[in-house]
Amino acid sequence: MKVGILGSGQVAKTLGTGFLKHGHEVMLGSRSPEKLADWASENAGAGTGTFEQTAAFAEIVVLAVAGRAAAEALDLAGAANLAGKVVVDTTNPISEEAPQNGVLRYFTGANESLMERLQARFPHGRFVKAFNSIGNAFMVNPTFPGGTPTMFICGNDDGAKATVAGILRQFGFEPEDVGAVESARPLEALCQLWCAPGLLRNQWTHAFHLLKLEARDRVAEPV
């Protein structure tokens, strides 16, 4: 697939390298594409461009900017270039305020999410939340002694979620669909949970893993 990644930070570069590793065509987009020259020179076949050029190139768009810059990045990409396309939303609504006792502060409320705002602003994009609850060092084929890590996803479009689930399996995750766009509220909060051990104890080498009983082992539904 042609994958256009909006962003020039470490998350964007890590995912870009991962998509190239798995045989996809990749373009990274930035307000200043020249800042990506070193990354492009180290990754044969990779392209760079503006946000608009990258979104126009893409069959799948990956949003990998700071949460507070997400809406502007998509504005620059252009609504027409997002229409009908899967948009993988890796962002979290982290504010510029300092964490409080190891808990990141968010600029959204408890009953809303950044992805809900973005989906409402760009209604013809097929948004799927993914890659937002793990550090960039473990985004591409991580290995943990406890088994395959879980990546929770959500979004309104079942076809888009199926596409992202396939990508996640390529990248070494077990996808877990937890519902429609409103489920981005707890998924974005997972970033706060993932970061808390790091902010408190400098412990950054972990991932989430969902343990499930097989259907035959279920004795009762939870009350």
Protein backbone atom coordinates (compact mmCIF):
# COMPACT_ATOMS: atom_id res chain seq x y z
CA MET A 1 0.00 0.00 0.00
CA LYS A 2 0.97 3.64 -0.35
CA VAL A 3 1.30 4.96 3.19
CA GLY A 4 1.50 8.69 3.86
CA ILE A 5 2.68 9.60 7.34
CA LEU A 6 1.96 13.10 8.60
CA GLY A 7 4.77 13.98 10.97
CA SER A 8 8.53 14.32 11.25
CA GLY A 9 9.15 13.21 14.84
CA GLN A 10 10.33 9.89 16.19
CA VAL A 11 6.92 8.19 16.00
CA ALA A 12 6.55 9.13 12.32
CA LYS A 13 10.07 7.98 11.47
CA THR A 14 9.73 4.72 13.39
CA LEU A 15 6.44 3.83 11.73
CA GLY A 16 7.78 4.92 8.35
CA THR A 17 10.73 2.57 8.68
CA GLY A 18 8.35 -0.18 9.81
CA PHE A 19 6.07 0.20 6.81
CA LEU A 20 9.09 0.13 4.48
CA LYS A 21 10.31 -3.03 6.22
CA HIS A 22 7.00 -4.70 5.41
CA GLY A 23 7.08 -3.74 1.74
CA HIS A 24 4.84 -0.68 1.63
CA GLU A 25 5.54 2.53 -0.25
CA VAL A 26 6.09 5.35 2.22
CA MET A 27 6.09 9.14 2.17
CA LEU A 28 6.65 11.26 5.28
CA GLY A 29 5.08 14.70 5.38
CA SER A 30 6.13 17.82 7.23
CA ARG A 31 5.62 21.56 7.17
CA SER A 32 9.36 21.63 6.37
CA PRO A 33 10.12 18.49 4.32
CA GLU A 34 13.83 19.32 4.22
CA LYS A 35 14.14 18.32 7.87
CA LEU A 36 13.44 14.73 6.75
CA ALA A 37 16.35 14.56 4.30
CA ASP A 38 18.57 12.48 6.61
CA TRP A 39 15.80 9.97 7.31
CA ALA A 40 15.00 9.63 3.61
CA SER A 41 18.67 9.10 2.75
CA GLU A 42 18.86 6.25 5.30
CA ASN A 43 15.70 4.55 3.98
CA ALA A 44 15.90 3.57 0.33
CA GLY A 45 12.72 4.27 -1.59
CA ALA A 46 11.21 6.57 1.01
CA GLY A 47 9.68 9.84 -0.09
CA THR A 48 9.12 13.15 1.66
CA GLY A 49 6.80 16.05 1.00
CA THR A 50 4.42 18.57 2.47
CA PHE A 51 1.38 17.43 4.43
CA GLU A 52 -0.77 18.05 1.34
CA GLN A 53 1.55 16.12 -0.99
CA THR A 54 1.79 13.24 1.47
CA ALA A 55 -1.97 12.91 1.95
CA ALA A 56 -2.55 13.10 -1.82
CA PHE A 57 0.03 10.31 -2.37
CA ALA A 58 -1.42 8.04 0.30
CA GLU A 59 -3.89 5.23 0.15
CA ILE A 60 -3.62 5.10 3.95
CA VAL A 61 -2.82 8.20 6.02
CA VAL A 62 -1.05 7.91 9.38
CA LEU A 63 -1.41 10.89 11.70
CA ALA A 64 1.77 11.01 13.80
CA VAL A 65 2.10 14.55 15.13
CA ALA A 66 1.69 15.98 18.62
CA GLY A 67 -1.96 15.93 19.63
CA ARG A 68 -2.17 19.69 19.93
CA ALA A 69 -1.01 19.98 16.27
CA ALA A 70 -3.27 17.24 14.90
CA ALA A 71 -6.15 19.36 13.59
CA GLU A 72 -3.80 21.83 11.90
CA ALA A 73 -1.81 19.03 10.26
CA LEU A 74 -5.00 17.56 8.83
CA ASP A 75 -6.15 21.00 7.68
CA LEU A 76 -2.87 21.37 5.80
CA ALA A 77 -3.23 17.87 4.37
CA GLY A 78 -6.61 18.88 2.97
CA ALA A 79 -10.03 17.38 3.58
CA ALA A 80 -10.30 16.26 -0.05
CA ASN A 81 -7.08 14.27 0.28
CA LEU A 82 -8.46 12.47 3.35
CA ALA A 83 -11.91 11.68 2.01
CA GLY A 84 -12.60 7.97 1.84
CA LYS A 85 -9.17 7.04 3.16
CA VAL A 86 -8.23 5.15 6.32
CA VAL A 87 -6.64 7.62 8.75
CA VAL A 88 -4.62 5.87 11.46
CA ASP A 89 -4.71 8.21 14.44
CA THR A 90 -1.71 7.68 16.74
CA THR A 91 -2.19 10.91 18.65
CA ASN A 92 -3.03 11.69 22.27
CA PRO A 93 -4.35 15.00 23.66
CA ILE A 94 -1.31 15.75 25.82
CA SER A 95 -1.25 19.34 27.06
CA GLU A 96 1.83 21.48 27.54
CA GLU A 97 1.33 21.46 31.31
CA ALA A 98 3.69 19.38 33.43
CA PRO A 99 2.51 15.91 34.52
CA GLN A 100 0.97 15.65 37.99
CA ASN A 101 2.47 12.85 40.12
CA GLY A 102 3.33 10.89 37.00
CA VAL A 103 0.03 11.49 35.21
CA LEU A 104 0.06 13.36 31.91
CA ARG A 105 -2.37 16.25 31.68
CA TYR A 106 -4.81 16.29 28.75
CA PHE A 107 -6.56 19.18 27.04
CA THR A 108 -9.74 17.10 26.55
CA GLY A 109 -12.40 16.28 29.11
CA ALA A 110 -13.33 12.87 30.50
CA ASN A 111 -16.32 12.48 28.17
CA GLU A 112 -14.62 13.39 24.91
CA SER A 113 -11.52 12.43 22.96
CA LEU A 114 -9.21 14.04 20.47
CA MET A 115 -10.16 11.51 17.82
CA GLU A 116 -13.84 12.39 18.20
CA ARG A 117 -12.95 16.01 17.51
CA LEU A 118 -10.90 15.04 14.45
CA GLN A 119 -13.56 12.68 13.07
CA ALA A 120 -16.19 15.43 13.42
CA ARG A 121 -13.90 17.96 11.71
CA PHE A 122 -13.08 15.57 8.84
CA PRO A 123 -16.24 13.45 8.53
CA HIS A 124 -15.21 11.77 5.29
CA GLY A 125 -11.96 10.37 6.70
CA ARG A 126 -12.19 6.83 8.08
CA PHE A 127 -10.42 7.31 11.41
CA VAL A 128 -9.02 4.42 13.44
CA LYS A 129 -7.19 4.92 16.73
CA ALA A 130 -4.01 2.78 16.97
CA PHE A 131 -0.36 2.91 18.09
CA ASN A 132 -1.21 5.47 20.77
CA SER A 133 -0.68 3.26 23.83
CA ILE A 134 2.93 2.18 23.48
CA GLY A 135 6.30 3.91 23.12
CA ASN A 136 7.89 4.32 19.72
CA ALA A 137 10.70 1.92 20.62
CA PHE A 138 8.14 -0.92 20.59
CA MET A 139 5.92 0.05 17.67
CA VAL A 140 7.46 -2.29 15.11
CA ASN A 141 7.57 -6.04 15.82
CA PRO A 142 8.36 -5.84 19.55
CA THR A 143 9.38 -8.91 21.52
CA PHE A 144 8.16 -9.40 25.08
CA PRO A 145 8.63 -12.52 27.23
CA GLY A 146 4.93 -12.48 28.13
CA GLY A 147 3.79 -12.95 24.53
CA THR A 148 2.29 -10.83 21.78
CA PRO A 149 1.25 -7.38 22.98
CA THR A 150 -2.29 -6.15 22.45
CA MET A 151 -3.05 -3.03 20.44
CA PHE A 152 -6.51 -1.65 21.11
CA ILE A 153 -8.27 0.04 18.20
CA CYS A 154 -11.55 1.85 17.67
CA GLY A 155 -13.40 3.74 14.97
CA ASN A 156 -16.73 3.99 13.17
CA ASP A 157 -15.78 2.12 9.99
CA ASP A 158 -15.50 -1.66 10.21
CA GLY A 159 -13.62 -1.93 6.92
CA ALA A 160 -11.07 0.62 8.05
CA LYS A 161 -10.58 -1.22 11.33
CA ALA A 162 -10.05 -4.49 9.45
CA THR A 163 -7.35 -2.83 7.35
CA VAL A 164 -5.61 -1.46 10.43
CA ALA A 165 -5.90 -4.81 12.18
CA GLY A 166 -4.00 -6.38 9.28
CA ILE A 167 -1.26 -3.77 9.59
CA LEU A 168 -1.02 -4.38 13.32
CA ARG A 169 -0.55 -8.10 12.80
CA GLN A 170 2.27 -7.33 10.36
CA PHE A 171 3.80 -5.11 13.03
CA GLY A 172 3.66 -7.86 15.66
CA PHE A 173 0.52 -6.97 17.64
CA GLU A 174 -2.75 -8.68 18.43
CA PRO A 175 -5.46 -6.12 17.54
CA GLU A 176 -8.46 -5.75 19.83
CA ASP A 177 -11.43 -3.80 18.49
CA VAL A 178 -13.19 -1.99 21.34
CA GLY A 179 -15.87 -0.17 19.41
CA ALA A 180 -16.76 3.10 17.73
CA VAL A 181 -15.12 6.51 17.90
CA GLU A 182 -16.33 7.15 21.47
CA SER A 183 -14.03 4.36 22.65
CA ALA A 184 -11.12 6.65 21.85
CA ARG A 185 -11.81 8.19 25.27
CA PRO A 186 -10.48 5.20 27.25
CA LEU A 187 -7.89 4.39 24.57
CA GLU A 188 -6.35 7.85 24.79
CA ALA A 189 -6.28 7.46 28.56
CA LEU A 190 -4.17 4.32 28.08
CA CYS A 191 -1.32 6.62 27.08
CA GLN A 192 -1.48 8.18 30.53
CA LEU A 193 -1.39 4.72 32.07
CA TRP A 194 1.47 3.55 29.84
CA CYS A 195 3.56 6.64 30.65
CA ALA A 196 2.95 6.64 34.42
CA PRO A 197 5.64 4.03 35.30
CA GLY A 198 8.11 5.88 33.11
CA LEU A 199 7.41 9.27 34.62
CA LEU A 200 7.47 7.87 38.16
CA ARG A 201 10.30 5.30 37.96
CA ASN A 202 11.90 5.72 34.51
CA GLN A 203 10.32 2.39 33.50
CA TRP A 204 9.51 2.53 29.80
CA THR A 205 9.89 -1.08 28.63
CA HIS A 206 6.37 -2.48 28.83
CA ALA A 207 3.24 -3.08 26.77
CA PHE A 208 -0.40 -4.00 27.35
CA HIS A 209 -1.57 -7.57 26.94
CA LEU A 210 -5.24 -8.52 27.17
CA LEU A 211 -5.89 -11.92 28.78
CA LYS A 212 -9.10 -13.62 27.64
CA LEU A 213 -10.85 -16.86 28.49
CA GLU A 214 -11.86 -19.07 25.60
CA ALA A 215 -15.63 -19.22 25.08
CA ARG A 216 -15.83 -22.73 26.53
CA ASP A 217 -14.14 -21.51 29.73
CA ARG A 218 -16.55 -18.68 30.44
CA VAL A 219 -18.72 -19.55 33.41
CA ALA A 220 -20.71 -16.34 33.77
CA GLU A 221 -20.95 -12.84 32.43
CA PRO A 222 -19.62 -10.13 34.78
CA VAL A 223 -22.25 -8.40 36.90
